[in-house]
Amino acid sequence: MTDSTPARTPQTLKPATAAKKLGVHLPATPDDFRAEGVTRTQLAAWLEEPPAWLVELRREGPHPRSVVAQKLGVSNSGLARAGVDDVMTTAQIKELLERMPDWLRTERASLAAVRAEDARVKERDAERAARAEREGRTAR
């Protein structure tokens, strides 16, 4: 009896998916990255030990919207409200942080308030769960 199971081919990610997982702007990646798929094994290796082009791209940009928001300390929605709809380089992000326009100050405060409220609710829910657990044990 022969084994007729075909050899497994490595799963390949589309360039856009791989760029998103790497946190880089797809049009700024090398041509061969955009032309070919990236295997999960290759992606894992790059996350562990990034090639020079990836290190440079992460350091200098241009950065995708999600990375811009994270570096500015605002939400993606905050960027949209401010009319920021383009990618930014690290230099542009630093310049914005130094200037600290009103919209950026407002959006950073808004995100901080949301995070504080989320933490308060999480703590409240944990206390309720602990209380329910204690009451459940003593009621038996």
Protein backbone atom coordinates (compact mmCIF):
# COMPACT_ATOMS: atom_id res chain seq x y z
CA MET A 1 0.00 0.00 0.00
CA THR A 2 1.43 3.37 -0.99
CA ASP A 3 0.85 6.65 0.72
CA SER A 4 -0.98 8.87 -1.75
CA THR A 5 -1.26 11.87 0.58
CA PRO A 6 0.07 14.91 -1.27
CA ALA A 7 2.86 16.91 0.31
CA ARG A 8 1.57 19.90 2.22
CA THR A 9 2.30 23.22 0.64
CA PRO A 10 3.07 26.04 3.03
CA GLN A 11 0.20 28.43 3.63
CA THR A 12 0.82 31.69 1.83
CA LEU A 13 -0.51 35.05 2.99
CA LYS A 14 -1.48 37.79 0.59
CA PRO A 15 0.98 40.69 0.66
CA ALA A 16 -1.65 43.03 2.19
CA THR A 17 -2.31 40.58 5.04
CA ALA A 18 1.40 40.07 5.68
CA ALA A 19 2.01 43.84 5.69
CA LYS A 20 -0.79 44.33 8.20
CA LYS A 21 0.61 41.63 10.47
CA LEU A 22 4.07 43.21 10.22
CA GLY A 23 2.65 46.68 10.92
CA VAL A 24 3.97 48.26 7.73
CA HIS A 25 2.46 50.25 4.85
CA LEU A 26 2.18 47.87 1.86
CA PRO A 27 3.17 50.36 -0.90
CA ALA A 28 6.40 51.09 0.99
CA THR A 29 7.50 47.44 1.01
CA PRO A 30 9.96 46.04 -1.56
CA ASP A 31 8.60 45.03 -4.97
CA ASP A 32 9.25 41.32 -4.41
CA PHE A 33 7.25 41.43 -1.14
CA ARG A 34 4.24 42.87 -2.99
CA ALA A 35 4.61 40.54 -5.97
CA GLU A 36 4.90 37.27 -4.05
CA GLY A 37 3.00 35.83 -1.15
CA VAL A 38 4.61 35.40 2.24
CA THR A 39 4.50 32.03 3.95
CA ARG A 40 3.53 31.79 7.60
CA THR A 41 6.98 30.37 8.31
CA GLN A 42 8.63 33.34 6.62
CA LEU A 43 6.35 35.76 8.49
CA ALA A 44 7.24 34.14 11.82
CA ALA A 45 10.95 34.36 10.96
CA TRP A 46 10.60 38.05 10.06
CA LEU A 47 8.76 38.77 13.30
CA GLU A 48 11.54 37.02 15.22
CA GLU A 49 14.45 38.47 13.23
CA PRO A 50 13.35 41.23 10.84
CA PRO A 51 15.33 41.87 7.63
CA ALA A 52 17.03 45.25 7.20
CA TRP A 53 14.26 46.68 4.98
CA LEU A 54 11.65 45.85 7.61
CA VAL A 55 13.69 47.38 10.44
CA GLU A 56 14.17 50.57 8.40
CA LEU A 57 10.49 50.72 7.42
CA ARG A 58 9.36 50.28 11.02
CA ARG A 59 11.80 52.93 12.22
CA GLU A 60 11.28 55.62 9.55
CA GLY A 61 7.91 54.83 7.96
CA PRO A 62 5.75 55.59 6.18
CA HIS A 63 3.50 54.01 8.79
CA PRO A 64 -0.02 52.69 8.24
CA ARG A 65 -2.94 54.43 9.92
CA SER A 66 -3.10 52.04 12.89
CA VAL A 67 0.58 52.58 13.69
CA VAL A 68 0.21 56.36 13.29
CA ALA A 69 -2.70 56.32 15.76
CA GLN A 70 -0.73 54.23 18.25
CA LYS A 71 2.37 56.44 18.01
CA LEU A 72 0.26 59.59 18.46
CA GLY A 73 -1.66 58.08 21.38
CA VAL A 74 -5.07 58.44 19.72
CA SER A 75 -7.67 56.11 18.23
CA ASN A 76 -8.15 55.46 14.52
CA SER A 77 -11.48 57.27 14.87
CA GLY A 78 -9.65 60.24 16.37
CA LEU A 79 -7.45 60.42 13.29
CA ALA A 80 -10.53 60.37 11.09
CA ARG A 81 -12.23 63.11 13.12
CA ALA A 82 -9.10 65.23 12.70
CA GLY A 83 -9.06 64.64 8.96
CA VAL A 84 -5.80 62.69 9.04
CA ASP A 85 -6.34 60.12 6.32
CA ASP A 86 -2.86 59.56 5.00
CA VAL A 87 0.15 57.56 6.11
CA MET A 88 2.86 59.42 8.03
CA THR A 89 6.58 59.07 8.49
CA THR A 90 8.23 58.96 11.89
CA ALA A 91 9.50 62.52 11.34
CA GLN A 92 5.96 63.77 10.64
CA ILE A 93 4.66 62.02 13.75
CA LYS A 94 7.42 63.55 15.90
CA GLU A 95 6.70 66.99 14.47
CA LEU A 96 3.00 66.64 15.31
CA LEU A 97 3.83 65.54 18.85
CA GLU A 98 6.12 68.53 19.29
CA ARG A 99 3.54 70.99 17.94
CA MET A 100 0.68 69.27 19.80
CA PRO A 101 -2.22 70.84 17.90
CA ASP A 102 -5.55 71.22 19.70
CA TRP A 103 -7.15 68.26 17.92
CA LEU A 104 -4.29 65.98 19.03
CA ARG A 105 -4.49 67.17 22.63
CA THR A 106 -8.29 66.62 22.60
CA GLU A 107 -8.09 63.16 21.03
CA ARG A 108 -5.34 62.02 23.42
CA ALA A 109 -7.46 63.17 26.38
CA SER A 110 -10.49 61.41 24.92
CA LEU A 111 -8.63 58.12 24.50
CA ALA A 112 -7.21 58.40 28.04
CA ALA A 113 -10.75 58.92 29.41
CA VAL A 114 -12.05 55.90 27.48
CA ARG A 115 -9.21 53.72 28.79
CA ALA A 116 -9.79 54.92 32.35
CA GLU A 117 -13.49 54.10 32.07
CA ASP A 118 -12.68 50.66 30.63
CA ALA A 119 -10.35 50.00 33.57
CA ARG A 120 -13.01 51.16 36.06
CA VAL A 121 -15.65 48.88 34.52
CA LYS A 122 -13.22 45.93 34.45
CA GLU A 123 -12.39 46.47 38.13
CA ARG A 124 -16.08 46.81 39.03
CA ASP A 125 -16.93 43.59 37.19
CA ALA A 126 -14.08 41.74 38.89
CA GLU A 127 -15.31 42.90 42.30
CA ARG A 128 -18.84 41.78 41.46
CA ALA A 129 -17.59 38.39 40.32
CA ALA A 130 -15.51 37.97 43.48
CA ARG A 131 -18.48 38.96 45.65
CA ALA A 132 -20.76 36.52 43.81
CA GLU A 133 -18.14 33.80 44.25
CA ARG A 134 -17.89 34.46 48.01
CA GLU A 135 -21.67 34.60 48.44
CA GLY A 136 -22.06 31.43 46.39
CA ARG A 137 -19.64 29.56 48.67
CA THR A 138 -21.21 30.76 51.92
CA ALA A 139 -24.77 30.02 50.76
CA ARG A 140 -24.06 26.29 50.38
